[in-house]
Amino acid sequence: MPTTIQISEKLQKELTRRKLYDKETYEEIIWDLMEDSLELSEETKKELAQARQEIKEGKYHTLEEIKKELGL
């Protein structure tokens, strides 16, 4: 059920400034902001831990190495 909330003019201007496209709603902007503060899933945490371990073990390529490999 939709509801109406009151926000300050300052907040409205800030939300408008954050729009990615003209028809983006304030609700979409607020959901995007909330997503940034949500906790990571267990799967994502495991993948991050694995990536950190691989970096410690030297299992990575630098940007310079990739450029050289691709002839850029």
PDB file of N, CA and C in Angstrom:
ATOM      1  N   MET A   1       0.838  -1.171   0.000  1.00  0.00           N
ATOM      2  CA  MET A   1       0.000   0.000   0.000  1.00  0.00           C
ATOM      3  C   MET A   1       0.889   1.242   0.000  1.00  0.00           C
ATOM      4  N   PRO A   2       0.831   2.039  -1.018  1.00  0.00           N
ATOM      5  CA  PRO A   2       1.647   3.257  -1.085  1.00  0.00           C
ATOM      6  C   PRO A   2       1.288   4.238   0.020  1.00  0.00           C
ATOM      7  N   THR A   3       2.276   4.984   0.445  1.00  0.00           N
ATOM      8  CA  THR A   3       2.058   5.991   1.470  1.00  0.00           C
ATOM      9  C   THR A   3       2.808   7.257   1.088  1.00  0.00           C
ATOM     10  N   THR A   4       2.458   8.340   1.726  1.00  0.00           N
ATOM     11  CA  THR A   4       3.104   9.619   1.480  1.00  0.00           C
ATOM     12  C   THR A   4       3.974   9.960   2.673  1.00  0.00           C
ATOM     13  N   ILE A   5       5.179  10.450   2.414  1.00  0.00           N
ATOM     14  CA  ILE A   5       6.044  10.905   3.495  1.00  0.00           C
ATOM     15  C   ILE A   5       6.447  12.350   3.226  1.00  0.00           C
ATOM     16  N   GLN A   6       6.811  13.031   4.277  1.00  0.00           N
ATOM     17  CA  GLN A   6       7.281  14.400   4.120  1.00  0.00           C
ATOM     18  C   GLN A   6       8.795  14.415   4.245  1.00  0.00           C
ATOM     19  N   ILE A   7       9.425  15.110   3.317  1.00  0.00           N
ATOM     20  CA  ILE A   7      10.871  15.292   3.377  1.00  0.00           C
ATOM     21  C   ILE A   7      11.176  16.760   3.167  1.00  0.00           C
ATOM     22  N   SER A   8      12.334  17.172   3.617  1.00  0.00           N
ATOM     23  CA  SER A   8      12.717  18.572   3.464  1.00  0.00           C
ATOM     24  C   SER A   8      13.054  18.868   2.006  1.00  0.00           C
ATOM     25  N   GLU A   9      13.024  20.122   1.665  1.00  0.00           N
ATOM     26  CA  GLU A   9      13.385  20.545   0.314  1.00  0.00           C
ATOM     27  C   GLU A   9      14.843  20.185   0.029  1.00  0.00           C
ATOM     28  N   LYS A  10      15.677  20.300   1.047  1.00  0.00           N
ATOM     29  CA  LYS A  10      17.098  19.958   0.898  1.00  0.00           C
ATOM     30  C   LYS A  10      17.265  18.489   0.523  1.00  0.00           C
ATOM     31  N   LEU A  11      16.526  17.603   1.213  1.00  0.00           N
ATOM     32  CA  LEU A  11      16.611  16.176   0.913  1.00  0.00           C
ATOM     33  C   LEU A  11      16.053  15.889  -0.478  1.00  0.00           C
ATOM     34  N   GLN A  12      14.981  16.522  -0.846  1.00  0.00           N
ATOM     35  CA  GLN A  12      14.413  16.322  -2.176  1.00  0.00           C
ATOM     36  C   GLN A  12      15.422  16.707  -3.262  1.00  0.00           C
ATOM     37  N   LYS A  13      16.116  17.807  -3.057  1.00  0.00           N
ATOM     38  CA  LYS A  13      17.132  18.227  -4.028  1.00  0.00           C
ATOM     39  C   LYS A  13      18.260  17.197  -4.107  1.00  0.00           C
ATOM     40  N   GLU A  14      18.658  16.662  -2.960  1.00  0.00           N
ATOM     41  CA  GLU A  14      19.728  15.662  -2.940  1.00  0.00           C
ATOM     42  C   GLU A  14      19.284  14.380  -3.645  1.00  0.00           C
ATOM     43  N   LEU A  15      18.056  13.942  -3.393  1.00  0.00           N
ATOM     44  CA  LEU A  15      17.541  12.748  -4.067  1.00  0.00           C
ATOM     45  C   LEU A  15      17.457  12.968  -5.576  1.00  0.00           C
ATOM     46  N   THR A  16      17.020  14.144  -5.968  1.00  0.00           N
ATOM     47  CA  THR A  16      16.941  14.479  -7.396  1.00  0.00           C
ATOM     48  C   THR A  16      18.327  14.465  -8.022  1.00  0.00           C
ATOM     49  N   ARG A  17      19.304  14.962  -7.310  1.00  0.00           N
ATOM     50  CA  ARG A  17      20.679  14.998  -7.804  1.00  0.00           C
ATOM     51  C   ARG A  17      21.225  13.587  -8.025  1.00  0.00           C
ATOM     52  N   ARG A  18      20.768  12.631  -7.236  1.00  0.00           N
ATOM     53  CA  ARG A  18      21.265  11.260  -7.315  1.00  0.00           C
ATOM     54  C   ARG A  18      20.574  10.411  -8.385  1.00  0.00           C
ATOM     55  N   LYS A  19      19.597  10.958  -9.068  1.00  0.00           N
ATOM     56  CA  LYS A  19      18.894  10.195 -10.103  1.00  0.00           C
ATOM     57  C   LYS A  19      19.867   9.782 -11.203  1.00  0.00           C
ATOM     58  N   LEU A  20      19.761   8.523 -11.608  1.00  0.00           N
ATOM     59  CA  LEU A  20      20.583   8.015 -12.691  1.00  0.00           C
ATOM     60  C   LEU A  20      19.943   8.295 -14.047  1.00  0.00           C
ATOM     61  N   TYR A  21      18.621   8.424 -14.049  1.00  0.00           N
ATOM     62  CA  TYR A  21      17.883   8.762 -15.260  1.00  0.00           C
ATOM     63  C   TYR A  21      16.648   9.558 -14.857  1.00  0.00           C
ATOM     64  N   ASP A  22      16.096  10.312 -15.791  1.00  0.00           N
ATOM     65  CA  ASP A  22      15.027  11.263 -15.488  1.00  0.00           C
ATOM     66  C   ASP A  22      13.805  10.654 -14.815  1.00  0.00           C
ATOM     67  N   LYS A  23      13.383   9.474 -15.247  1.00  0.00           N
ATOM     68  CA  LYS A  23      12.149   8.886 -14.722  1.00  0.00           C
ATOM     69  C   LYS A  23      12.370   8.004 -13.497  1.00  0.00           C
ATOM     70  N   GLU A  24      13.583   7.986 -12.964  1.00  0.00           N
ATOM     71  CA  GLU A  24      13.857   7.202 -11.760  1.00  0.00           C
ATOM     72  C   GLU A  24      13.060   7.783 -10.603  1.00  0.00           C
ATOM     73  N   THR A  25      12.409   6.914  -9.844  1.00  0.00           N
ATOM     74  CA  THR A  25      11.586   7.383  -8.728  1.00  0.00           C
ATOM     75  C   THR A  25      12.438   7.566  -7.473  1.00  0.00           C
ATOM     76  N   TYR A  26      11.903   8.344  -6.541  1.00  0.00           N
ATOM     77  CA  TYR A  26      12.594   8.514  -5.263  1.00  0.00           C
ATOM     78  C   TYR A  26      12.704   7.174  -4.544  1.00  0.00           C
ATOM     79  N   GLU A  27      11.691   6.328  -4.697  1.00  0.00           N
ATOM     80  CA  GLU A  27      11.743   5.016  -4.053  1.00  0.00           C
ATOM     81  C   GLU A  27      12.926   4.207  -4.583  1.00  0.00           C
ATOM     82  N   GLU A  28      13.137   4.230  -5.889  1.00  0.00           N
ATOM     83  CA  GLU A  28      14.271   3.504  -6.469  1.00  0.00           C
ATOM     84  C   GLU A  28      15.594   4.037  -5.934  1.00  0.00           C
ATOM     85  N   ILE A  29      15.693   5.330  -5.799  1.00  0.00           N
ATOM     86  CA  ILE A  29      16.919   5.938  -5.272  1.00  0.00           C
ATOM     87  C   ILE A  29      17.143   5.498  -3.835  1.00  0.00           C
ATOM     88  N   ILE A  30      16.088   5.522  -3.040  1.00  0.00           N
ATOM     89  CA  ILE A  30      16.200   5.131  -1.628  1.00  0.00           C
ATOM     90  C   ILE A  30      16.584   3.660  -1.511  1.00  0.00           C
ATOM     91  N   TRP A  31      15.976   2.777  -2.321  1.00  0.00           N
ATOM     92  CA  TRP A  31      16.346   1.352  -2.294  1.00  0.00           C
ATOM     93  C   TRP A  31      17.816   1.169  -2.653  1.00  0.00           C
ATOM     94  N   ASP A  32      18.299   1.913  -3.658  1.00  0.00           N
ATOM     95  CA  ASP A  32      19.717   1.826  -4.021  1.00  0.00           C
ATOM     96  C   ASP A  32      20.615   2.247  -2.869  1.00  0.00           C
ATOM     97  N   LEU A  33      20.227   3.292  -2.162  1.00  0.00           N
ATOM     98  CA  LEU A  33      21.015   3.749  -1.019  1.00  0.00           C
ATOM     99  C   LEU A  33      21.004   2.711   0.099  1.00  0.00           C
ATOM    100  N   MET A  34      19.865   2.092   0.324  1.00  0.00           N
ATOM    101  CA  MET A  34      19.756   1.080   1.375  1.00  0.00           C
ATOM    102  C   MET A  34      20.572  -0.155   1.027  1.00  0.00           C
ATOM    103  N   GLU A  35      20.604  -0.510  -0.240  1.00  0.00           N
ATOM    104  CA  GLU A  35      21.356  -1.683  -0.671  1.00  0.00           C
ATOM    105  C   GLU A  35      22.825  -1.570  -0.294  1.00  0.00           C
ATOM    106  N   ASP A  36      23.357  -0.364  -0.375  1.00  0.00           N
ATOM    107  CA  ASP A  36      24.754  -0.137  -0.032  1.00  0.00           C
ATOM    108  C   ASP A  36      25.062  -0.463   1.427  1.00  0.00           C
ATOM    109  N   SER A  37      24.037  -0.424   2.288  1.00  0.00           N
ATOM    110  CA  SER A  37      24.279  -0.657   3.707  1.00  0.00           C
ATOM    111  C   SER A  37      23.858  -2.054   4.174  1.00  0.00           C
ATOM    112  N   LEU A  38      23.321  -2.872   3.266  1.00  0.00           N
ATOM    113  CA  LEU A  38      22.898  -4.218   3.646  1.00  0.00           C
ATOM    114  C   LEU A  38      24.107  -5.120   3.828  1.00  0.00           C
ATOM    115  N   GLU A  39      23.952  -6.115   4.657  1.00  0.00           N
ATOM    116  CA  GLU A  39      25.044  -7.045   4.920  1.00  0.00           C
ATOM    117  C   GLU A  39      25.267  -7.959   3.718  1.00  0.00           C
ATOM    118  N   LEU A  40      26.512  -8.328   3.496  1.00  0.00           N
ATOM    119  CA  LEU A  40      26.842  -9.226   2.394  1.00  0.00           C
ATOM    120  C   LEU A  40      26.317 -10.626   2.680  1.00  0.00           C
ATOM    121  N   SER A  41      25.944 -11.341   1.631  1.00  0.00           N
ATOM    122  CA  SER A  41      25.479 -12.717   1.787  1.00  0.00           C
ATOM    123  C   SER A  41      26.654 -13.602   2.193  1.00  0.00           C
ATOM    124  N   GLU A  42      26.343 -14.763   2.735  1.00  0.00           N
ATOM    125  CA  GLU A  42      27.391 -15.701   3.146  1.00  0.00           C
ATOM    126  C   GLU A  42      28.212 -16.137   1.934  1.00  0.00           C
ATOM    127  N   GLU A  43      27.546 -16.336   0.789  1.00  0.00           N
ATOM    128  CA  GLU A  43      28.258 -16.734  -0.425  1.00  0.00           C
ATOM    129  C   GLU A  43      29.260 -15.662  -0.843  1.00  0.00           C
ATOM    130  N   THR A  44      28.847 -14.404  -0.785  1.00  0.00           N
ATOM    131  CA  THR A  44      29.739 -13.307  -1.154  1.00  0.00           C
ATOM    132  C   THR A  44      30.916 -13.224  -0.192  1.00  0.00           C
ATOM    133  N   LYS A  45      30.652 -13.416   1.096  1.00  0.00           N
ATOM    134  CA  LYS A  45      31.735 -13.396   2.086  1.00  0.00           C
ATOM    135  C   LYS A  45      32.755 -14.494   1.801  1.00  0.00           C
ATOM    136  N   LYS A  46      32.274 -15.697   1.435  1.00  0.00           N
ATOM    137  CA  LYS A  46      33.179 -16.807   1.118  1.00  0.00           C
ATOM    138  C   LYS A  46      34.005 -16.490  -0.125  1.00  0.00           C
ATOM    139  N   GLU A  47      33.351 -15.907  -1.145  1.00  0.00           N
ATOM    140  CA  GLU A  47      34.064 -15.565  -2.374  1.00  0.00           C
ATOM    141  C   GLU A  47      35.132 -14.498  -2.123  1.00  0.00           C
ATOM    142  N   LEU A  48      34.820 -13.532  -1.277  1.00  0.00           N
ATOM    143  CA  LEU A  48      35.810 -12.511  -0.929  1.00  0.00           C
ATOM    144  C   LEU A  48      36.990 -13.118  -0.188  1.00  0.00           C
ATOM    145  N   ALA A  49      36.704 -14.020   0.743  1.00  0.00           N
ATOM    146  CA  ALA A  49      37.777 -14.684   1.488  1.00  0.00           C
ATOM    147  C   ALA A  49      38.658 -15.501   0.544  1.00  0.00           C
ATOM    148  N   GLN A  50      38.028 -16.190  -0.413  1.00  0.00           N
ATOM    149  CA  GLN A  50      38.789 -16.982  -1.387  1.00  0.00           C
ATOM    150  C   GLN A  50      39.655 -16.062  -2.243  1.00  0.00           C
ATOM    151  N   ALA A  51      39.105 -14.951  -2.691  1.00  0.00           N
ATOM    152  CA  ALA A  51      39.871 -14.007  -3.521  1.00  0.00           C
ATOM    153  C   ALA A  51      41.058 -13.444  -2.747  1.00  0.00           C
ATOM    154  N   ARG A  52      40.858 -13.106  -1.484  1.00  0.00           N
ATOM    155  CA  ARG A  52      41.962 -12.598  -0.663  1.00  0.00           C
ATOM    156  C   ARG A  52      43.067 -13.642  -0.525  1.00  0.00           C
ATOM    157  N   GLN A  53      42.663 -14.900  -0.333  1.00  0.00           N
ATOM    158  CA  GLN A  53      43.634 -15.983  -0.195  1.00  0.00           C
ATOM    159  C   GLN A  53      44.431 -16.153  -1.488  1.00  0.00           C
ATOM    160  N   GLU A  54      43.735 -16.088  -2.621  1.00  0.00           N
ATOM    161  CA  GLU A  54      44.418 -16.223  -3.908  1.00  0.00           C
ATOM    162  C   GLU A  54      45.423 -15.090  -4.121  1.00  0.00           C
ATOM    163  N   ILE A  55      45.083 -13.899  -3.693  1.00  0.00           N
ATOM    164  CA  ILE A  55      46.012 -12.767  -3.811  1.00  0.00           C
ATOM    165  C   ILE A  55      47.237 -13.008  -2.939  1.00  0.00           C
ATOM    166  N   LYS A  56      47.023 -13.490  -1.709  1.00  0.00           N
ATOM    167  CA  LYS A  56      48.148 -13.800  -0.821  1.00  0.00           C
ATOM    168  C   LYS A  56      49.068 -14.839  -1.437  1.00  0.00           C
ATOM    169  N   GLU A  57      48.490 -15.780  -2.178  1.00  0.00           N
ATOM    170  CA  GLU A  57      49.260 -16.858  -2.792  1.00  0.00           C
ATOM    171  C   GLU A  57      49.861 -16.435  -4.132  1.00  0.00           C
ATOM    172  N   GLY A  58      49.625 -15.206  -4.535  1.00  0.00           N
ATOM    173  CA  GLY A  58      50.188 -14.711  -5.786  1.00  0.00           C
ATOM    174  C   GLY A  58      49.440 -15.170  -7.024  1.00  0.00           C
ATOM    175  N   LYS A  59      48.236 -15.648  -6.862  1.00  0.00           N
ATOM    176  CA  LYS A  59      47.433 -16.136  -7.990  1.00  0.00           C
ATOM    177  C   LYS A  59      46.615 -14.995  -8.588  1.00  0.00           C
ATOM    178  N   TYR A  60      47.308 -14.058  -9.208  1.00  0.00           N
ATOM    179  CA  TYR A  60      46.634 -12.933  -9.851  1.00  0.00           C
ATOM    180  C   TYR A  60      47.534 -12.385 -10.948  1.00  0.00           C
ATOM    181  N   HIS A  61      46.973 -11.523 -11.781  1.00  0.00           N
ATOM    182  CA  HIS A  61      47.720 -10.874 -12.853  1.00  0.00           C
ATOM    183  C   HIS A  61      47.545  -9.366 -12.703  1.00  0.00           C
ATOM    184  N   THR A  62      48.622  -8.642 -12.901  1.00  0.00           N
ATOM    185  CA  THR A  62      48.536  -7.184 -12.832  1.00  0.00           C
ATOM    186  C   THR A  62      47.952  -6.645 -14.135  1.00  0.00           C
ATOM    187  N   LEU A  63      47.489  -5.416 -14.098  1.00  0.00           N
ATOM    188  CA  LEU A  63      46.967  -4.773 -15.295  1.00  0.00           C
ATOM    189  C   LEU A  63      48.045  -4.700 -16.369  1.00  0.00           C
ATOM    190  N   GLU A  64      49.264  -4.409 -15.960  1.00  0.00           N
ATOM    191  CA  GLU A  64      50.372  -4.337 -16.907  1.00  0.00           C
ATOM    192  C   GLU A  64      50.597  -5.682 -17.601  1.00  0.00           C
ATOM    193  N   GLU A  65      50.509  -6.775 -16.848  1.00  0.00           N
ATOM    194  CA  GLU A  65      50.680  -8.107 -17.432  1.00  0.00           C
ATOM    195  C   GLU A  65      49.587  -8.402 -18.460  1.00  0.00           C
ATOM    196  N   ILE A  66      48.376  -8.057 -18.134  1.00  0.00           N
ATOM    197  CA  ILE A  66      47.246  -8.312 -19.042  1.00  0.00           C
ATOM    198  C   ILE A  66      47.399  -7.481 -20.312  1.00  0.00           C
ATOM    199  N   LYS A  67      47.777  -6.205 -20.149  1.00  0.00           N
ATOM    200  CA  LYS A  67      47.987  -5.336 -21.321  1.00  0.00           C
ATOM    201  C   LYS A  67      49.057  -5.926 -22.239  1.00  0.00           C
ATOM    202  N   LYS A  68      50.151  -6.390 -21.637  1.00  0.00           N
ATOM    203  CA  LYS A  68      51.245  -6.968 -22.423  1.00  0.00           C
ATOM    204  C   LYS A  68      50.765  -8.218 -23.149  1.00  0.00           C
ATOM    205  N   GLU A  69      50.043  -9.065 -22.445  1.00  0.00           N
ATOM    206  CA  GLU A  69      49.514 -10.303 -23.021  1.00  0.00           C
ATOM    207  C   GLU A  69      48.580 -10.020 -24.196  1.00  0.00           C
ATOM    208  N   LEU A  70      47.797  -8.940 -24.085  1.00  0.00           N
ATOM    209  CA  LEU A  70      46.850  -8.593 -25.140  1.00  0.00           C
ATOM    210  C   LEU A  70      47.460  -7.691 -26.204  1.00  0.00           C
ATOM    211  N   GLY A  71      48.689  -7.291 -25.997  1.00  0.00           N
ATOM    212  CA  GLY A  71      49.370  -6.444 -26.966  1.00  0.00           C
ATOM    213  C   GLY A  71      48.844  -5.014 -26.971  1.00  0.00           C
ATOM    214  N   LEU A  72      48.478  -4.528 -25.836  1.00  0.00           N
ATOM    215  CA  LEU A  72      47.957  -3.155 -25.727  1.00  0.00           C
ATOM    216  C   LEU A  72      49.006  -2.192 -25.228  1.00  0.00           C
TER     217      LEU A  72
END
